[in-house]
N, C-alpha and C. Protein backbone atom coordinates (compact mmCIF):
# COMPACT_ATOMS: atom_id res chain seq x y z
N UNK A 1 -10.80 -3.86 -1.81
CA UNK A 1 -10.47 -3.56 -0.32
C UNK A 1 -11.16 -1.71 0.53
N UNK A 2 -12.19 -1.74 0.85
CA UNK A 2 -12.53 -0.40 1.34
C UNK A 2 -11.47 -0.14 2.08
N UNK A 3 -11.31 1.17 2.42
CA UNK A 3 -10.74 2.31 3.35
C UNK A 3 -11.37 2.23 4.44
N UNK A 4 -11.86 2.11 5.99
CA UNK A 4 -12.62 3.03 6.44
C UNK A 4 -12.00 3.63 7.65
N UNK A 5 -12.76 4.54 8.08
CA UNK A 5 -12.73 5.38 9.17
C UNK A 5 -11.71 4.29 10.56
N UNK A 6 -12.79 3.26 10.73
CA UNK A 6 -11.94 2.13 11.62
C UNK A 6 -10.94 1.87 11.81
N UNK A 7 -10.52 1.87 10.01
CA UNK A 7 -9.16 1.35 9.86
C UNK A 7 -7.77 2.51 10.42
N UNK A 8 -8.04 3.86 9.92
CA UNK A 8 -7.55 4.65 9.72
C UNK A 8 -7.47 5.21 11.29
N UNK A 9 -8.48 4.75 12.24
CA UNK A 9 -8.06 4.95 13.65
C UNK A 9 -7.28 4.05 14.60
N UNK A 10 -7.13 2.66 13.90
CA UNK A 10 -6.27 2.11 14.21
C UNK A 10 -5.14 1.74 13.86
N UNK A 11 -5.08 2.57 12.41
CA UNK A 11 -3.56 3.29 12.34
C UNK A 11 -3.05 4.18 13.04
N UNK A 12 -3.87 4.95 13.63
CA UNK A 12 -3.04 6.45 14.73
C UNK A 12 -3.21 5.68 15.75
N UNK A 13 -4.02 5.14 16.38
CA UNK A 13 -3.12 4.69 17.22
C UNK A 13 -2.10 3.31 17.58
N UNK A 14 -2.27 2.44 16.50
CA UNK A 14 -0.80 1.76 16.74
C UNK A 14 0.88 3.07 16.72
N UNK A 15 0.30 4.00 15.64
CA UNK A 15 1.71 4.23 15.07
C UNK A 15 1.99 5.69 15.62
N UNK A 16 0.74 6.18 16.70
CA UNK A 16 0.74 7.79 16.80
C UNK A 16 0.93 8.58 16.34
N UNK A 17 0.35 8.37 14.49
CA UNK A 17 0.64 9.78 13.96
C UNK A 17 -0.80 10.02 13.88
N UNK A 18 -1.49 11.41 14.67
CA UNK A 18 -2.71 11.91 15.02
C UNK A 18 -2.64 12.74 14.11
N UNK A 19 -2.09 12.96 13.15
CA UNK A 19 -2.11 14.23 12.55
C UNK A 19 -3.85 14.62 12.57
N UNK A 20 -4.17 16.20 12.06
CA UNK A 20 -5.52 15.86 12.05
C UNK A 20 -6.22 15.77 10.89
N UNK A 21 -5.70 15.86 9.26
CA UNK A 21 -6.09 15.00 8.25
C UNK A 21 -6.75 14.05 8.40
N UNK A 22 -6.29 12.92 9.68
CA UNK A 22 -6.37 11.77 9.14
C UNK A 22 -7.60 11.46 10.59
N UNK A 23 -7.88 12.31 11.78
CA UNK A 23 -8.64 12.21 12.93
C UNK A 23 -9.69 12.44 12.75
N UNK A 24 -10.20 13.41 11.89
CA UNK A 24 -11.93 14.32 11.89
C UNK A 24 -12.35 14.73 10.29
N UNK A 25 -13.29 14.94 9.86
CA UNK A 25 -13.68 15.92 8.84
C UNK A 25 -13.23 16.97 8.84
N UNK A 26 -13.11 17.74 9.84
CA UNK A 26 -13.09 18.96 9.98
C UNK A 26 -11.51 19.64 9.84
N UNK A 27 -10.81 18.55 10.81
CA UNK A 27 -9.17 18.90 10.46
C UNK A 27 -8.95 18.69 8.36
N UNK A 28 -9.25 17.69 8.08
CA UNK A 28 -9.63 16.86 6.66
C UNK A 28 -9.55 18.20 5.85
N UNK A 29 -11.13 18.76 6.54
CA UNK A 29 -11.49 20.25 5.59
C UNK A 29 -10.61 21.21 5.67
N UNK A 30 -9.85 21.61 7.15
CA UNK A 30 -9.30 22.97 6.66
C UNK A 30 -8.29 22.90 6.00
N UNK A 31 -7.99 21.13 5.87
CA UNK A 31 -6.37 21.53 4.86
C UNK A 31 -7.00 20.88 3.34
N UNK A 32 -8.20 20.72 2.92
CA UNK A 32 -8.69 21.34 1.37
C UNK A 32 -9.26 19.50 1.27
N UNK A 33 -9.62 18.87 1.90
CA UNK A 33 -9.98 17.85 1.78
C UNK A 33 -11.57 17.40 1.94
N UNK A 34 -11.87 16.58 1.85
CA UNK A 34 -14.06 16.38 1.78
C UNK A 34 -14.37 15.41 2.82
N UNK A 35 -13.15 14.29 2.99
CA UNK A 35 -13.23 13.62 3.90
C UNK A 35 -12.09 12.94 5.13
N UNK A 36 -11.78 12.43 6.04
CA UNK A 36 -10.80 11.70 6.44
C UNK A 36 -9.80 11.69 5.72
N UNK A 37 -8.15 11.59 5.78
CA UNK A 37 -7.47 10.81 4.65
C UNK A 37 -6.84 9.83 5.34
N UNK A 38 -6.82 9.21 4.54
CA UNK A 38 -5.82 7.51 5.35
C UNK A 38 -4.62 7.79 5.10
N UNK A 39 -3.71 7.23 6.36
CA UNK A 39 -2.40 7.55 6.28
C UNK A 39 -1.59 6.61 4.62
N UNK A 40 -1.07 7.41 4.28
CA UNK A 40 -0.21 7.12 3.08
C UNK A 40 0.25 5.60 3.31
N UNK A 41 0.78 5.07 4.46
CA UNK A 41 1.36 4.10 4.85
C UNK A 41 0.76 2.94 5.26
N UNK A 42 -0.55 3.74 5.50
CA UNK A 42 -1.56 2.37 6.21
C UNK A 42 -2.28 1.85 4.48
N UNK A 43 -2.15 2.47 3.47
CA UNK A 43 -2.31 2.22 2.40
C UNK A 43 -1.62 0.68 1.69
N UNK A 44 -0.35 1.79 2.11
CA UNK A 44 0.64 0.46 1.96
C UNK A 44 0.99 -0.53 2.35
N UNK A 45 0.34 -0.25 3.49
CA UNK A 45 0.53 -1.39 4.35
C UNK A 45 -0.68 -2.65 3.82
N UNK A 46 -1.63 -2.22 3.54
CA UNK A 46 -2.68 -2.60 2.64
C UNK A 46 -2.27 -3.44 1.70
N UNK A 47 -1.68 -2.81 1.25
CA UNK A 47 -1.71 -3.22 -0.49
C UNK A 47 -0.48 -4.45 0.04
N UNK A 48 0.73 -4.56 0.72
CA UNK A 48 1.49 -5.23 1.18
C UNK A 48 0.44 -6.36 1.82
N UNK A 49 -0.56 -6.34 1.95
CA UNK A 49 -1.50 -7.48 2.70
C UNK A 49 -2.01 -8.09 1.46
N UNK A 50 -2.42 -7.36 0.31
CA UNK A 50 -3.40 -8.14 -0.84
C UNK A 50 -2.26 -8.60 -1.83
N UNK A 51 -0.82 -8.01 -1.73
CA UNK A 51 0.31 -8.83 -2.02
C UNK A 51 0.33 -10.47 -1.94
N UNK A 52 0.01 -10.72 -0.58
CA UNK A 52 0.23 -11.77 0.04
C UNK A 52 -1.10 -12.70 -0.04
N UNK A 53 -1.98 -12.28 -0.59
CA UNK A 53 -3.17 -12.59 -0.83
C UNK A 53 -3.66 -13.54 -2.71
N UNK A 54 -2.48 -12.48 -3.08
CA UNK A 54 -2.68 -12.74 -4.74
C UNK A 54 -2.64 -14.21 -4.93
N UNK A 55 -3.45 -14.70 -5.83
CA UNK A 55 -3.73 -16.14 -6.24
C UNK A 55 -1.69 -16.61 -6.80
N UNK A 56 -1.38 -15.59 -7.05
CA UNK A 56 -0.33 -16.09 -8.15
C UNK A 56 0.75 -16.87 -6.85
N UNK A 57 0.47 -16.13 -5.66
CA UNK A 57 1.29 -16.69 -4.30
C UNK A 57 2.51 -16.90 -4.24
N UNK A 58 3.31 -15.60 -4.22
CA UNK A 58 4.52 -15.77 -3.53
C UNK A 58 5.34 -16.39 -3.21
N UNK A 59 6.66 -17.13 -2.96
CA UNK A 59 7.09 -18.05 -2.07
C UNK A 59 7.69 -17.19 -1.19
N UNK A 60 7.53 -15.88 -0.73
CA UNK A 60 8.76 -14.92 -0.31
C UNK A 60 8.81 -15.72 1.17
N UNK A 61 10.37 -15.26 0.88
CA UNK A 61 11.28 -15.11 2.44
C UNK A 61 11.49 -13.74 3.23
N UNK A 62 10.91 -12.99 2.56
CA UNK A 62 11.70 -10.98 3.23
C UNK A 62 11.51 -9.97 2.22
N UNK A 63 10.64 -9.06 2.58
CA UNK A 63 11.29 -8.05 1.93
C UNK A 63 12.33 -7.18 1.62
N UNK A 64 12.69 -6.60 0.68
CA UNK A 64 14.01 -6.12 0.62
C UNK A 64 14.11 -4.65 1.06
N UNK A 65 13.02 -4.27 0.34
CA UNK A 65 12.43 -2.71 0.12
C UNK A 65 11.47 -2.14 -0.60
N UNK A 66 11.00 -1.01 -0.26
CA UNK A 66 10.11 -0.42 -1.30
C UNK A 66 10.53 0.90 -1.58
N UNK A 67 10.10 1.07 -3.23
CA UNK A 67 10.26 2.63 -3.63
C UNK A 67 8.98 2.51 -4.04
N UNK A 68 8.76 3.77 -3.44
CA UNK A 68 7.57 4.47 -3.17
C UNK A 68 6.89 5.38 -3.55
N UNK A 69 5.76 5.86 -3.83
CA UNK A 69 5.13 7.30 -4.24
C UNK A 69 3.40 7.42 -3.94
N UNK A 70 3.25 8.38 -3.26
CA UNK A 70 1.93 8.71 -2.88
C UNK A 70 1.66 9.57 -3.96
N UNK A 71 0.48 9.23 -4.75
CA UNK A 71 0.59 10.22 -5.77
C UNK A 71 -0.80 11.16 -5.42
N UNK A 72 -2.21 10.33 -4.59
CA UNK A 72 -3.14 11.25 -4.62
C UNK A 72 -3.65 10.61 -3.01
N UNK A 73 -4.51 11.59 -2.32
CA UNK A 73 -5.33 10.94 -1.51
C UNK A 73 -5.89 10.08 -1.76
N UNK A 74 -6.28 8.88 -0.48
CA UNK A 74 -6.97 8.06 -0.01
C UNK A 74 -8.22 8.41 0.52
N UNK A 75 -9.30 8.47 0.99
CA UNK A 75 -10.41 8.77 1.52
C UNK A 75 -11.07 8.10 2.48
N UNK A 76 -11.49 8.01 3.54
CA UNK A 76 -12.02 7.20 4.52
C UNK A 76 -13.03 7.01 3.39
N UNK A 77 -13.85 5.63 2.83
CA UNK A 77 -14.77 5.19 2.32
C UNK A 77 -14.29 4.99 0.96
N UNK A 78 -13.07 5.19 0.25
CA UNK A 78 -12.26 4.71 -1.01
C UNK A 78 -12.27 3.26 -0.66
N UNK A 79 -12.37 3.24 -2.07
CA UNK A 79 -12.00 1.47 -2.14
C UNK A 79 -10.81 1.08 -3.18
N UNK A 80 -9.71 1.39 -2.48
CA UNK A 80 -8.66 0.85 -3.38
C UNK A 80 -8.41 -0.46 -4.23
N UNK A 81 -7.84 -0.42 -5.33
CA UNK A 81 -7.72 -1.67 -5.84
C UNK A 81 -6.06 -1.80 -6.04
N UNK A 82 -5.17 -3.07 -6.51
CA UNK A 82 -3.64 -2.66 -6.78
C UNK A 82 -3.38 -3.62 -7.85
N UNK A 83 -2.88 -3.20 -8.67
CA UNK A 83 -2.42 -4.12 -10.19
C UNK A 83 -0.68 -4.23 -10.32
N UNK A 84 -0.49 -5.86 -10.01
CA UNK A 84 0.61 -6.19 -9.47
C UNK A 84 1.76 -6.86 -10.71
N UNK A 85 2.83 -6.03 -11.23
CA UNK A 85 3.34 -6.93 -11.98
C UNK A 85 5.06 -7.22 -11.52
N UNK A 86 5.27 -8.96 -12.43
CA UNK A 86 6.36 -8.98 -12.17
C UNK A 86 7.15 -8.00 -13.20
N UNK A 87 8.03 -7.33 -12.29
CA UNK A 87 8.67 -6.43 -13.58
C UNK A 87 10.50 -6.83 -13.28
N UNK A 88 10.58 -7.23 -12.94
CA UNK A 88 11.97 -8.34 -13.01
C UNK A 88 12.27 -9.23 -12.28
N UNK A 89 13.32 -10.28 -12.72
CA UNK A 89 13.93 -11.37 -11.95
C UNK A 89 14.96 -11.48 -11.90
N UNK A 90 15.67 -11.90 -11.03
CA UNK A 90 16.89 -12.74 -10.81
C UNK A 90 17.73 -13.58 -9.75
N UNK A 91 18.52 -14.55 -10.57
CA UNK A 91 18.59 -15.38 -9.14
C UNK A 91 19.94 -14.64 -8.20
N UNK A 92 19.96 -15.36 -7.05
CA UNK A 92 21.21 -15.23 -5.86
C UNK A 92 22.28 -16.00 -6.05
N UNK A 93 22.94 -16.09 -5.19
CA UNK A 93 24.48 -16.90 -4.94
C UNK A 93 23.57 -18.82 -4.35
N UNK A 94 22.70 -17.97 -3.57
CA UNK A 94 21.41 -19.04 -3.18
C UNK A 94 20.65 -19.79 -4.04
N UNK A 95 21.30 -20.84 -4.34
CA UNK A 95 20.29 -21.56 -5.81
C UNK A 95 18.86 -21.58 -5.13
N UNK A 96 18.37 -21.88 -4.57
CA UNK A 96 17.03 -22.05 -3.76
C UNK A 96 16.24 -20.51 -3.52
N UNK A 97 16.98 -19.71 -3.90
CA UNK A 97 16.46 -18.32 -3.90
C UNK A 97 16.79 -17.58 -5.08
N UNK A 98 15.62 -16.75 -5.12
CA UNK A 98 15.90 -15.62 -6.05
C UNK A 98 15.10 -13.96 -5.43
N UNK A 99 15.08 -13.07 -6.73
CA UNK A 99 14.82 -11.88 -5.99
C UNK A 99 13.80 -11.51 -7.29
N UNK A 100 12.55 -10.94 -6.54
CA UNK A 100 11.61 -10.51 -7.93
C UNK A 100 11.72 -8.86 -7.40
N UNK A 101 11.07 -8.14 -8.89
CA UNK A 101 11.06 -6.44 -8.23
C UNK A 101 9.66 -6.48 -8.99
N UNK A 102 8.58 -6.37 -7.74
CA UNK A 102 6.81 -6.39 -8.15
C UNK A 102 6.33 -4.97 -8.23
N UNK A 103 5.86 -4.15 -9.33
CA UNK A 103 5.87 -3.73 -9.67
C UNK A 103 3.97 -2.99 -9.34
N UNK A 104 3.75 -2.18 -8.80
CA UNK A 104 2.36 -2.23 -8.17
C UNK A 104 1.65 -0.46 -8.85
N UNK A 105 0.65 -0.92 -9.21
CA UNK A 105 -0.39 0.53 -9.51
C UNK A 105 -1.53 0.50 -8.63
N UNK A 106 -1.94 1.28 -7.37
CA UNK A 106 -3.35 1.18 -6.76
C UNK A 106 -4.26 2.04 -7.24
N UNK A 107 -4.82 2.10 -7.62
CA UNK A 107 -6.44 2.77 -8.05
C UNK A 107 -7.57 3.14 -6.93
N UNK A 108 -8.01 3.91 -7.36
CA UNK A 108 -9.32 3.65 -6.05
C UNK A 108 -10.24 3.47 -7.01
N UNK A 109 -11.46 3.77 -6.12
CA UNK A 109 -12.59 3.45 -7.06
C UNK A 109 -13.04 4.00 -8.37
N UNK A 110 -12.34 5.30 -8.83
CA UNK A 110 -13.07 6.14 -10.08
C UNK A 110 -11.81 5.81 -11.40
N UNK A 111 -10.79 4.96 -10.64
CA UNK A 111 -9.82 4.05 -11.42
C UNK A 111 -8.24 5.28 -11.82
N UNK A 112 -8.29 6.07 -10.58
CA UNK A 112 -7.03 7.14 -10.48
C UNK A 112 -6.46 6.36 -9.90
N UNK A 113 -5.01 6.62 -10.20
CA UNK A 113 -4.33 6.01 -9.46
C UNK A 113 -3.63 6.89 -8.15
N UNK A 114 -3.65 6.34 -7.20
CA UNK A 114 -3.37 6.68 -5.66
C UNK A 114 -2.45 6.70 -4.80
N UNK A 115 -1.19 5.59 -5.50
CA UNK A 115 -0.11 5.13 -5.29
C UNK A 115 0.84 4.22 -6.02
N UNK A 116 1.50 4.32 -5.88
CA UNK A 116 2.58 3.66 -6.74
C UNK A 116 3.96 3.07 -6.81
N UNK A 117 4.59 2.52 -7.15
CA UNK A 117 5.76 1.92 -6.43
C UNK A 117 6.30 0.61 -6.87
N UNK A 118 7.59 0.09 -6.38
CA UNK A 118 8.03 -1.08 -6.49
C UNK A 118 8.26 -1.76 -5.15
N UNK A 119 8.55 -3.02 -4.93
CA UNK A 119 9.20 -3.93 -4.28
C UNK A 119 9.74 -4.73 -4.22
N UNK A 120 11.05 -4.77 -4.04
CA UNK A 120 11.83 -5.82 -4.01
C UNK A 120 11.65 -7.16 -2.74
N UNK A 121 11.60 -8.19 -3.45
CA UNK A 121 11.00 -9.21 -2.92
C UNK A 121 11.60 -10.87 -3.12
N UNK A 122 12.73 -11.15 -1.60
CA UNK A 122 13.27 -12.29 -1.93
C UNK A 122 12.17 -13.52 -1.99
N UNK A 123 12.60 -14.57 -2.72
CA UNK A 123 11.65 -15.66 -2.60
C UNK A 123 12.68 -16.61 -2.81
N UNK A 124 11.53 -17.84 -2.37
CA UNK A 124 11.98 -19.50 -2.76
C UNK A 124 11.78 -19.49 -4.16
N UNK A 125 12.74 -20.14 -4.66
CA UNK A 125 13.02 -20.45 -6.67
C UNK A 125 12.22 -21.84 -6.77
């Protein structure tokens, strides 16, 4: 998925996070980046959307939390890819539900890890 300047602008408008590295090339360069930097939470949001599109089709009820690390910047124009692995699963006292621990590695077009972490997801069994 390509991360565009339009996405960065829309996320800034939605959240109010207009820190200069996100809003202009000049601001990004002032802090040592070559291009505008996508908000870390924008990228995490895109990853969550990708999770909901996977062929495996998790029958999700609710996300129970994220343990997440921002490893490297995602710049405007970067292409992100995510690998999702079911790291653990457990039953709950409700027979129709279970909890999955999903492990993510997010890379850019050069294969560099930019974000990683885990999501606990309540699902239908």
